[in-house]
C-alpha atoms as a PDB file:
ATOM      1  CA  UNK A   1     110.518 111.477  74.097  1.00  0.00           C
ATOM      2  CA  UNK A   2     113.069 109.718  75.262  1.00  0.00           C
ATOM      3  CA  UNK A   3     112.234 106.963  77.579  1.00  0.00           C
ATOM      4  CA  UNK A   4     114.626 108.291  80.331  1.00  0.00           C
ATOM      5  CA  UNK A   5     113.217 112.005  80.271  1.00  0.00           C
ATOM      6  CA  UNK A   6     109.598 109.744  80.775  1.00  0.00           C
ATOM      7  CA  UNK A   7     111.036 108.298  83.595  1.00  0.00           C
ATOM      8  CA  UNK A   8     112.736 111.236  84.840  1.00  0.00           C
ATOM      9  CA  UNK A   9     109.523 113.380  84.534  1.00  0.00           C
ATOM     10  CA  UNK A  10     107.336 110.839  86.473  1.00  0.00           C
ATOM     11  CA  UNK A  11     109.791 110.437  88.923  1.00  0.00           C
ATOM     12  CA  UNK A  12     109.530 114.259  89.416  1.00  0.00           C
ATOM     13  CA  UNK A  13     105.744 114.032  89.596  1.00  0.00           C
ATOM     14  CA  UNK A  14     106.012 110.879  91.987  1.00  0.00           C
ATOM     15  CA  UNK A  15     108.015 113.005  94.746  1.00  0.00           C
ATOM     16  CA  UNK A  16     105.910 115.892  94.184  1.00  0.00           C
ATOM     17  CA  UNK A  17     102.859 113.630  95.037  1.00  0.00           C
ATOM     18  CA  UNK A  18     103.927 113.058  98.537  1.00  0.00           C
ATOM     19  CA  UNK A  19     103.194 116.939  98.986  1.00  0.00           C
ATOM     20  CA  UNK A  20      99.553 115.985  97.949  1.00  0.00           C
ATOM     21  CA  UNK A  21      99.019 112.664  99.744  1.00  0.00           C
ATOM     22  CA  UNK A  22     100.603 112.596 102.833  1.00  0.00           C
ATOM     23  CA  UNK A  23      98.399 115.064 104.502  1.00  0.00           C
ATOM     24  CA  UNK A  24      95.578 113.222 104.137  1.00  0.00           C
ATOM     25  CA  UNK A  25      96.931 110.191 106.381  1.00  0.00           C
ATOM     26  CA  UNK A  26      96.195 109.469 109.837  1.00  0.00           C
ATOM     27  CA  UNK A  27      94.846 110.682 112.827  1.00  0.00           C
ATOM     28  CA  UNK A  28      96.521 112.426 114.749  1.00  0.00           C
ATOM     29  CA  UNK A  29      98.015 110.572 118.252  1.00  0.00           C
ATOM     30  CA  UNK A  30      95.915 113.051 120.896  1.00  0.00           C
ATOM     31  CA  UNK A  31      92.855 111.728 118.747  1.00  0.00           C
ATOM     32  CA  UNK A  32      93.627 108.369 119.423  1.00  0.00           C
ATOM     33  CA  UNK A  33      92.548 106.253 122.723  1.00  0.00           C
ATOM     34  CA  UNK A  34      96.149 105.011 123.023  1.00  0.00           C
ATOM     35  CA  UNK A  35      98.334 106.818 125.774  1.00  0.00           C
ATOM     36  CA  UNK A  36     101.414 108.650 124.154  1.00  0.00           C
ATOM     37  CA  UNK A  37     104.152 107.736 124.619  1.00  0.00           C
ATOM     38  CA  UNK A  38     107.523 109.678 126.313  1.00  0.00           C
ATOM     39  CA  UNK A  39     108.510 112.070 123.580  1.00  0.00           C
ATOM     40  CA  UNK A  40     105.990 111.308 120.811  1.00  0.00           C
ATOM     41  CA  UNK A  41     104.769 114.808 119.391  1.00  0.00           C
ATOM     42  CA  UNK A  42     100.892 115.466 119.677  1.00  0.00           C
ATOM     43  CA  UNK A  43     100.723 116.089 116.103  1.00  0.00           C
ATOM     44  CA  UNK A  44     102.008 112.996 114.840  1.00  0.00           C
ATOM     45  CA  UNK A  45      99.901 109.794 113.156  1.00  0.00           C
ATOM     46  CA  UNK A  46      99.137 107.892 115.286  1.00  0.00           C
ATOM     47  CA  UNK A  47      99.530 104.653 112.324  1.00  0.00           C
ATOM     48  CA  UNK A  48     101.666 104.980 109.595  1.00  0.00           C
ATOM     49  CA  UNK A  49     101.033 102.599 106.254  1.00  0.00           C
ATOM     50  CA  UNK A  50     104.248 103.484 104.042  1.00  0.00           C
ATOM     51  CA  UNK A  51     102.951 101.118 101.923  1.00  0.00           C
ATOM     52  CA  UNK A  52      99.544 102.419 101.245  1.00  0.00           C
ATOM     53  CA  UNK A  53     101.387 106.050 101.213  1.00  0.00           C
ATOM     54  CA  UNK A  54     103.501 104.637  98.606  1.00  0.00           C
ATOM     55  CA  UNK A  55     100.571 103.277  96.372  1.00  0.00           C
ATOM     56  CA  UNK A  56      98.752 106.574  96.512  1.00  0.00           C
ATOM     57  CA  UNK A  57     101.570 108.345  95.690  1.00  0.00           C
ATOM     58  CA  UNK A  58     102.320 106.208  92.755  1.00  0.00           C
ATOM     59  CA  UNK A  59      98.497 106.585  91.574  1.00  0.00           C
ATOM     60  CA  UNK A  60      98.571 110.392  91.568  1.00  0.00           C
ATOM     61  CA  UNK A  61     101.764 110.450  89.972  1.00  0.00           C
ATOM     62  CA  UNK A  62     100.863 108.003  87.141  1.00  0.00           C
ATOM     63  CA  UNK A  63      97.360 109.876  86.378  1.00  0.00           C
ATOM     64  CA  UNK A  64      99.723 113.382  86.366  1.00  0.00           C
ATOM     65  CA  UNK A  65     102.145 112.023  83.930  1.00  0.00           C
ATOM     66  CA  UNK A  66      99.382 110.253  81.975  1.00  0.00           C
ATOM     67  CA  UNK A  67      97.882 114.095  81.654  1.00  0.00           C
ATOM     68  CA  UNK A  68     101.477 115.653  80.720  1.00  0.00           C
ATOM     69  CA  UNK A  69     102.332 112.890  78.218  1.00  0.00           C
ATOM     70  CA  UNK A  70      98.372 113.387  76.765  1.00  0.00           C
ATOM     71  CA  UNK A  71      99.393 117.313  76.504  1.00  0.00           C
ATOM     72  CA  UNK A  72     103.317 116.723  75.519  1.00  0.00           C
ATOM     73  CA  UNK A  73     101.932 114.268  72.595  1.00  0.00           C
ATOM     74  CA  UNK A  74      99.502 116.710  71.134  1.00  0.00           C
ATOM     75  CA  UNK A  75     102.019 119.717  71.348  1.00  0.00           C
ATOM     76  CA  UNK A  76     100.079 121.514  74.620  1.00  0.00           C
ATOM     77  CA  UNK A  77     103.235 120.941  76.421  1.00  0.00           C
ATOM     78  CA  UNK A  78     106.154 122.431  73.724  1.00  0.00           C
ATOM     79  CA  UNK A  79     109.423 122.177  75.442  1.00  0.00           C
ATOM     80  CA  UNK A  80     110.557 124.684  73.291  1.00  0.00           C
ATOM     81  CA  UNK A  81     107.937 127.127  73.912  1.00  0.00           C
ATOM     82  CA  UNK A  82     108.039 126.691  78.084  1.00  0.00           C
ATOM     83  CA  UNK A  83     111.767 127.084  78.037  1.00  0.00           C
ATOM     84  CA  UNK A  84     111.069 130.517  75.743  1.00  0.00           C
ATOM     85  CA  UNK A  85     113.303 129.286  72.887  1.00  0.00           C
ATOM     86  CA  UNK A  86     111.112 129.259  70.483  1.00  0.00           C
END
């Protein structure tokens, strides 16, 4: 596998990991004791920590990519079979 292909696949895993990581973050604003600001959605998180979210996304993507890479090296994820060419 070329390094550019590996980078592209890792980037896809990283972007898709946001759908797994984000639902687990933050308490809703209405659950907090602080009053809501005019125009603030009640379901919006009270506090948002982007560095923590990005770190968790990177960890999740690294784990998924490692599993994919092991499958690729062992031939379990053959690109020709997956694309229907074999």
